[in-house]
């Protein structure tokens, strides 16, 4: 009986770990997207700055 209860607890723990991994993966994906956007904005700003110097 105690063994069953313990096993149930572990499966619950595993699902929590899987959920945490999933959340972390989603957060990383969002962060990667944000970095790409900020990089694009940065390079766009640099181009505009260079254009302003020329013009």
PDB file of N, CA and C in Angstrom:
ATOM      1  N   UNK A   1       0.833  -1.194   0.000  1.00  0.00           N
ATOM      2  CA  UNK A   1       0.000   0.000   0.000  1.00  0.00           C
ATOM      3  C   UNK A   1       0.879   1.261   0.000  1.00  0.00           C
ATOM      4  N   UNK A   2       1.878   1.265   0.857  1.00  0.00           N
ATOM      5  CA  UNK A   2       2.752   2.432   0.926  1.00  0.00           C
ATOM      6  C   UNK A   2       3.514   2.594  -0.385  1.00  0.00           C
ATOM      7  N   UNK A   3       3.860   1.460  -0.989  1.00  0.00           N
ATOM      8  CA  UNK A   3       4.593   1.525  -2.246  1.00  0.00           C
ATOM      9  C   UNK A   3       3.744   2.181  -3.341  1.00  0.00           C
ATOM     10  N   UNK A   4       2.460   1.835  -3.394  1.00  0.00           N
ATOM     11  CA  UNK A   4       1.570   2.435  -4.388  1.00  0.00           C
ATOM     12  C   UNK A   4       1.483   3.951  -4.187  1.00  0.00           C
ATOM     13  N   UNK A   5       1.333   4.359  -2.962  1.00  0.00           N
ATOM     14  CA  UNK A   5       1.206   5.781  -2.658  1.00  0.00           C
ATOM     15  C   UNK A   5       2.478   6.515  -3.081  1.00  0.00           C
ATOM     16  N   UNK A   6       3.619   5.896  -2.818  1.00  0.00           N
ATOM     17  CA  UNK A   6       4.886   6.517  -3.160  1.00  0.00           C
ATOM     18  C   UNK A   6       5.023   6.621  -4.685  1.00  0.00           C
ATOM     19  N   UNK A   7       4.638   5.583  -5.391  1.00  0.00           N
ATOM     20  CA  UNK A   7       4.728   5.582  -6.849  1.00  0.00           C
ATOM     21  C   UNK A   7       3.855   6.686  -7.420  1.00  0.00           C
ATOM     22  N   UNK A   8       2.661   6.829  -6.874  1.00  0.00           N
ATOM     23  CA  UNK A   8       1.764   7.878  -7.325  1.00  0.00           C
ATOM     24  C   UNK A   8       2.388   9.244  -7.125  1.00  0.00           C
ATOM     25  N   UNK A   9       3.062   9.405  -6.013  1.00  0.00           N
ATOM     26  CA  UNK A   9       3.713  10.673  -5.706  1.00  0.00           C
ATOM     27  C   UNK A   9       4.793  10.971  -6.742  1.00  0.00           C
ATOM     28  N   UNK A  10       5.556   9.937  -7.101  1.00  0.00           N
ATOM     29  CA  UNK A  10       6.637  10.137  -8.068  1.00  0.00           C
ATOM     30  C   UNK A  10       6.097  10.514  -9.435  1.00  0.00           C
ATOM     31  N   UNK A  11       5.022   9.862  -9.854  1.00  0.00           N
ATOM     32  CA  UNK A  11       4.470  10.189 -11.170  1.00  0.00           C
ATOM     33  C   UNK A  11       3.989  11.644 -11.172  1.00  0.00           C
ATOM     34  N   UNK A  12       3.446  12.087 -10.061  1.00  0.00           N
ATOM     35  CA  UNK A  12       3.005  13.477  -9.952  1.00  0.00           C
ATOM     36  C   UNK A  12       4.216  14.404 -10.061  1.00  0.00           C
ATOM     37  N   UNK A  13       5.288  14.000  -9.400  1.00  0.00           N
ATOM     38  CA  UNK A  13       6.514  14.792  -9.411  1.00  0.00           C
ATOM     39  C   UNK A  13       7.073  14.871 -10.829  1.00  0.00           C
ATOM     40  N   UNK A  14       7.032  13.735 -11.549  1.00  0.00           N
ATOM     41  CA  UNK A  14       7.535  13.713 -12.919  1.00  0.00           C
ATOM     42  C   UNK A  14       6.755  14.678 -13.804  1.00  0.00           C
ATOM     43  N   UNK A  15       5.429  14.686 -13.629  1.00  0.00           N
ATOM     44  CA  UNK A  15       4.625  15.582 -14.457  1.00  0.00           C
ATOM     45  C   UNK A  15       4.958  17.042 -14.129  1.00  0.00           C
ATOM     46  N   UNK A  16       5.231  17.320 -12.870  1.00  0.00           N
ATOM     47  CA  UNK A  16       5.621  18.685 -12.493  1.00  0.00           C
ATOM     48  C   UNK A  16       6.950  19.053 -13.132  1.00  0.00           C
ATOM     49  N   UNK A  17       7.887  18.092 -13.140  1.00  0.00           N
ATOM     50  CA  UNK A  17       9.187  18.359 -13.751  1.00  0.00           C
ATOM     51  C   UNK A  17       9.037  18.585 -15.252  1.00  0.00           C
ATOM     52  N   UNK A  18       8.204  17.766 -15.886  1.00  0.00           N
ATOM     53  CA  UNK A  18       7.981  17.917 -17.324  1.00  0.00           C
ATOM     54  C   UNK A  18       7.367  19.282 -17.612  1.00  0.00           C
ATOM     55  N   UNK A  19       6.425  19.685 -16.771  1.00  0.00           N
ATOM     56  CA  UNK A  19       5.779  20.979 -16.951  1.00  0.00           C
ATOM     57  C   UNK A  19       6.814  22.104 -16.778  1.00  0.00           C
ATOM     58  N   UNK A  20       7.692  21.959 -15.807  1.00  0.00           N
ATOM     59  CA  UNK A  20       8.713  22.978 -15.563  1.00  0.00           C
ATOM     60  C   UNK A  20       9.662  23.059 -16.758  1.00  0.00           C
ATOM     61  N   UNK A  21      10.035  21.895 -17.308  1.00  0.00           N
ATOM     62  CA  UNK A  21      10.919  21.888 -18.473  1.00  0.00           C
ATOM     63  C   UNK A  21      10.233  22.571 -19.645  1.00  0.00           C
ATOM     64  N   UNK A  22       8.950  22.276 -19.828  1.00  0.00           N
ATOM     65  CA  UNK A  22       8.178  22.857 -20.915  1.00  0.00           C
ATOM     66  C   UNK A  22       8.132  24.374 -20.782  1.00  0.00           C
ATOM     67  N   UNK A  23       7.878  24.841 -19.574  1.00  0.00           N
ATOM     68  CA  UNK A  23       7.800  26.275 -19.316  1.00  0.00           C
ATOM     69  C   UNK A  23       9.152  26.926 -19.595  1.00  0.00           C
ATOM     70  N   UNK A  24      10.228  26.260 -19.159  1.00  0.00           N
ATOM     71  CA  UNK A  24      11.567  26.800 -19.384  1.00  0.00           C
ATOM     72  C   UNK A  24      11.868  26.860 -20.876  1.00  0.00           C
ATOM     73  N   UNK A  25      11.466  25.836 -21.602  1.00  0.00           N
ATOM     74  CA  UNK A  25      11.699  25.812 -23.051  1.00  0.00           C
ATOM     75  C   UNK A  25      10.935  26.944 -23.734  1.00  0.00           C
ATOM     76  N   UNK A  26       9.701  27.152 -23.300  1.00  0.00           N
ATOM     77  CA  UNK A  26       8.903  28.235 -23.871  1.00  0.00           C
ATOM     78  C   UNK A  26       9.554  29.584 -23.571  1.00  0.00           C
ATOM     79  N   UNK A  27      10.047  29.741 -22.351  1.00  0.00           N
ATOM     80  CA  UNK A  27      10.689  30.999 -21.963  1.00  0.00           C
ATOM     81  C   UNK A  27      11.937  31.242 -22.805  1.00  0.00           C
ATOM     82  N   UNK A  28      12.705  30.181 -23.040  1.00  0.00           N
ATOM     83  CA  UNK A  28      13.912  30.312 -23.870  1.00  0.00           C
ATOM     84  C   UNK A  28      13.546  30.698 -25.301  1.00  0.00           C
ATOM     85  N   UNK A  29      12.502  30.075 -25.818  1.00  0.00           N
ATOM     86  CA  UNK A  29      12.076  30.374 -27.186  1.00  0.00           C
ATOM     87  C   UNK A  29      11.645  31.836 -27.298  1.00  0.00           C
ATOM     88  N   UNK A  30      10.891  32.298 -26.306  1.00  0.00           N
ATOM     89  CA  UNK A  30      10.446  33.692 -26.315  1.00  0.00           C
ATOM     90  C   UNK A  30      11.645  34.628 -26.221  1.00  0.00           C
ATOM     91  N   UNK A  31      12.604  34.287 -25.361  1.00  0.00           N
ATOM     92  CA  UNK A  31      13.788  35.125 -25.180  1.00  0.00           C
ATOM     93  C   UNK A  31      14.599  35.180 -26.473  1.00  0.00           C
ATOM     94  N   UNK A  32      14.704  34.051 -27.162  1.00  0.00           N
ATOM     95  CA  UNK A  32      15.457  34.006 -28.416  1.00  0.00           C
ATOM     96  C   UNK A  32      14.780  34.905 -29.452  1.00  0.00           C
ATOM     97  N   UNK A  33      13.463  34.860 -29.505  1.00  0.00           N
ATOM     98  CA  UNK A  33      12.720  35.709 -30.429  1.00  0.00           C
ATOM     99  C   UNK A  33      12.911  37.171 -30.114  1.00  0.00           C
ATOM    100  N   UNK A  34      12.906  37.498 -28.839  1.00  0.00           N
ATOM    101  CA  UNK A  34      13.080  38.877 -28.404  1.00  0.00           C
ATOM    102  C   UNK A  34      14.481  39.356 -28.759  1.00  0.00           C
ATOM    103  N   UNK A  35      15.496  38.489 -28.584  1.00  0.00           N
ATOM    104  CA  UNK A  35      16.870  38.866 -28.904  1.00  0.00           C
ATOM    105  C   UNK A  35      17.015  39.173 -30.391  1.00  0.00           C
ATOM    106  N   UNK A  36      16.383  38.346 -31.217  1.00  0.00           N
ATOM    107  CA  UNK A  36      16.449  38.557 -32.661  1.00  0.00           C
ATOM    108  C   UNK A  36      15.792  39.879 -33.021  1.00  0.00           C
ATOM    109  N   UNK A  37      14.670  40.187 -32.388  1.00  0.00           N
ATOM    110  CA  UNK A  37      13.983  41.450 -32.671  1.00  0.00           C
ATOM    111  C   UNK A  37      14.830  42.641 -32.245  1.00  0.00           C
ATOM    112  N   UNK A  38      15.443  42.541 -31.078  1.00  0.00           N
ATOM    113  CA  UNK A  38      16.250  43.666 -30.593  1.00  0.00           C
ATOM    114  C   UNK A  38      17.490  43.842 -31.468  1.00  0.00           C
ATOM    115  N   UNK A  39      18.028  42.725 -31.968  1.00  0.00           N
ATOM    116  CA  UNK A  39      19.198  42.798 -32.845  1.00  0.00           C
ATOM    117  C   UNK A  39      18.818  43.492 -34.146  1.00  0.00           C
ATOM    118  N   UNK A  40      17.652  43.152 -34.692  1.00  0.00           N
ATOM    119  CA  UNK A  40      17.175  43.797 -35.921  1.00  0.00           C
ATOM    120  C   UNK A  40      16.990  45.289 -35.698  1.00  0.00           C
ATOM    121  N   UNK A  41      16.414  45.640 -34.561  1.00  0.00           N
ATOM    122  CA  UNK A  41      16.190  47.048 -34.255  1.00  0.00           C
ATOM    123  C   UNK A  41      17.528  47.780 -34.116  1.00  0.00           C
ATOM    124  N   UNK A  42      18.489  47.116 -33.503  1.00  0.00           N
ATOM    125  CA  UNK A  42      19.806  47.713 -33.296  1.00  0.00           C
ATOM    126  C   UNK A  42      20.489  47.981 -34.634  1.00  0.00           C
ATOM    127  N   UNK A  43      20.481  46.976 -35.521  1.00  0.00           N
ATOM    128  CA  UNK A  43      21.137  47.160 -36.813  1.00  0.00           C
ATOM    129  C   UNK A  43      20.406  48.209 -37.644  1.00  0.00           C
ATOM    130  N   UNK A  44      19.070  48.244 -37.529  1.00  0.00           N
ATOM    131  CA  UNK A  44      18.290  49.246 -38.256  1.00  0.00           C
ATOM    132  C   UNK A  44      18.692  50.644 -37.772  1.00  0.00           C
ATOM    133  N   UNK A  45      18.849  50.779 -36.463  1.00  0.00           N
ATOM    134  CA  UNK A  45      19.260  52.051 -35.892  1.00  0.00           C
ATOM    135  C   UNK A  45      20.643  52.464 -36.346  1.00  0.00           C
ATOM    136  N   UNK A  46      21.538  51.502 -36.441  1.00  0.00           N
ATOM    137  CA  UNK A  46      22.898  51.789 -36.891  1.00  0.00           C
ATOM    138  C   UNK A  46      22.896  52.255 -38.344  1.00  0.00           C
ATOM    139  N   UNK A  47      22.065  51.609 -39.172  1.00  0.00           N
ATOM    140  CA  UNK A  47      21.956  52.009 -40.572  1.00  0.00           C
ATOM    141  C   UNK A  47      21.393  53.414 -40.698  1.00  0.00           C
ATOM    142  N   UNK A  48      20.391  53.715 -39.896  1.00  0.00           N
ATOM    143  CA  UNK A  48      19.785  55.050 -39.940  1.00  0.00           C
ATOM    144  C   UNK A  48      20.791  56.112 -39.512  1.00  0.00           C
ATOM    145  N   UNK A  49      21.578  55.763 -38.506  1.00  0.00           N
ATOM    146  CA  UNK A  49      22.599  56.697 -38.011  1.00  0.00           C
ATOM    147  C   UNK A  49      23.649  56.974 -39.103  1.00  0.00           C
ATOM    148  N   UNK A  50      24.067  55.901 -39.768  1.00  0.00           N
ATOM    149  CA  UNK A  50      25.064  56.051 -40.830  1.00  0.00           C
ATOM    150  C   UNK A  50      24.494  56.866 -41.984  1.00  0.00           C
ATOM    151  N   UNK A  51      23.239  56.627 -42.311  1.00  0.00           N
ATOM    152  CA  UNK A  51      22.568  57.356 -43.382  1.00  0.00           C
ATOM    153  C   UNK A  51      22.496  58.839 -43.036  1.00  0.00           C
ATOM    154  N   UNK A  52      22.198  59.141 -41.790  1.00  0.00           N
ATOM    155  CA  UNK A  52      22.083  60.533 -41.352  1.00  0.00           C
ATOM    156  C   UNK A  52      23.443  61.232 -41.461  1.00  0.00           C
ATOM    157  N   UNK A  53      24.517  60.503 -41.163  1.00  0.00           N
ATOM    158  CA  UNK A  53      25.847  61.101 -41.258  1.00  0.00           C
ATOM    159  C   UNK A  53      26.173  61.420 -42.711  1.00  0.00           C
ATOM    160  N   UNK A  54      25.787  60.517 -43.605  1.00  0.00           N
ATOM    161  CA  UNK A  54      26.055  60.703 -45.032  1.00  0.00           C
ATOM    162  C   UNK A  54      25.201  61.831 -45.620  1.00  0.00           C
ATOM    163  N   UNK A  55      23.944  61.887 -45.160  1.00  0.00           N
ATOM    164  CA  UNK A  55      23.009  62.841 -45.762  1.00  0.00           C
ATOM    165  C   UNK A  55      23.018  64.152 -45.114  1.00  0.00           C
TER     166      UNK A  55
END
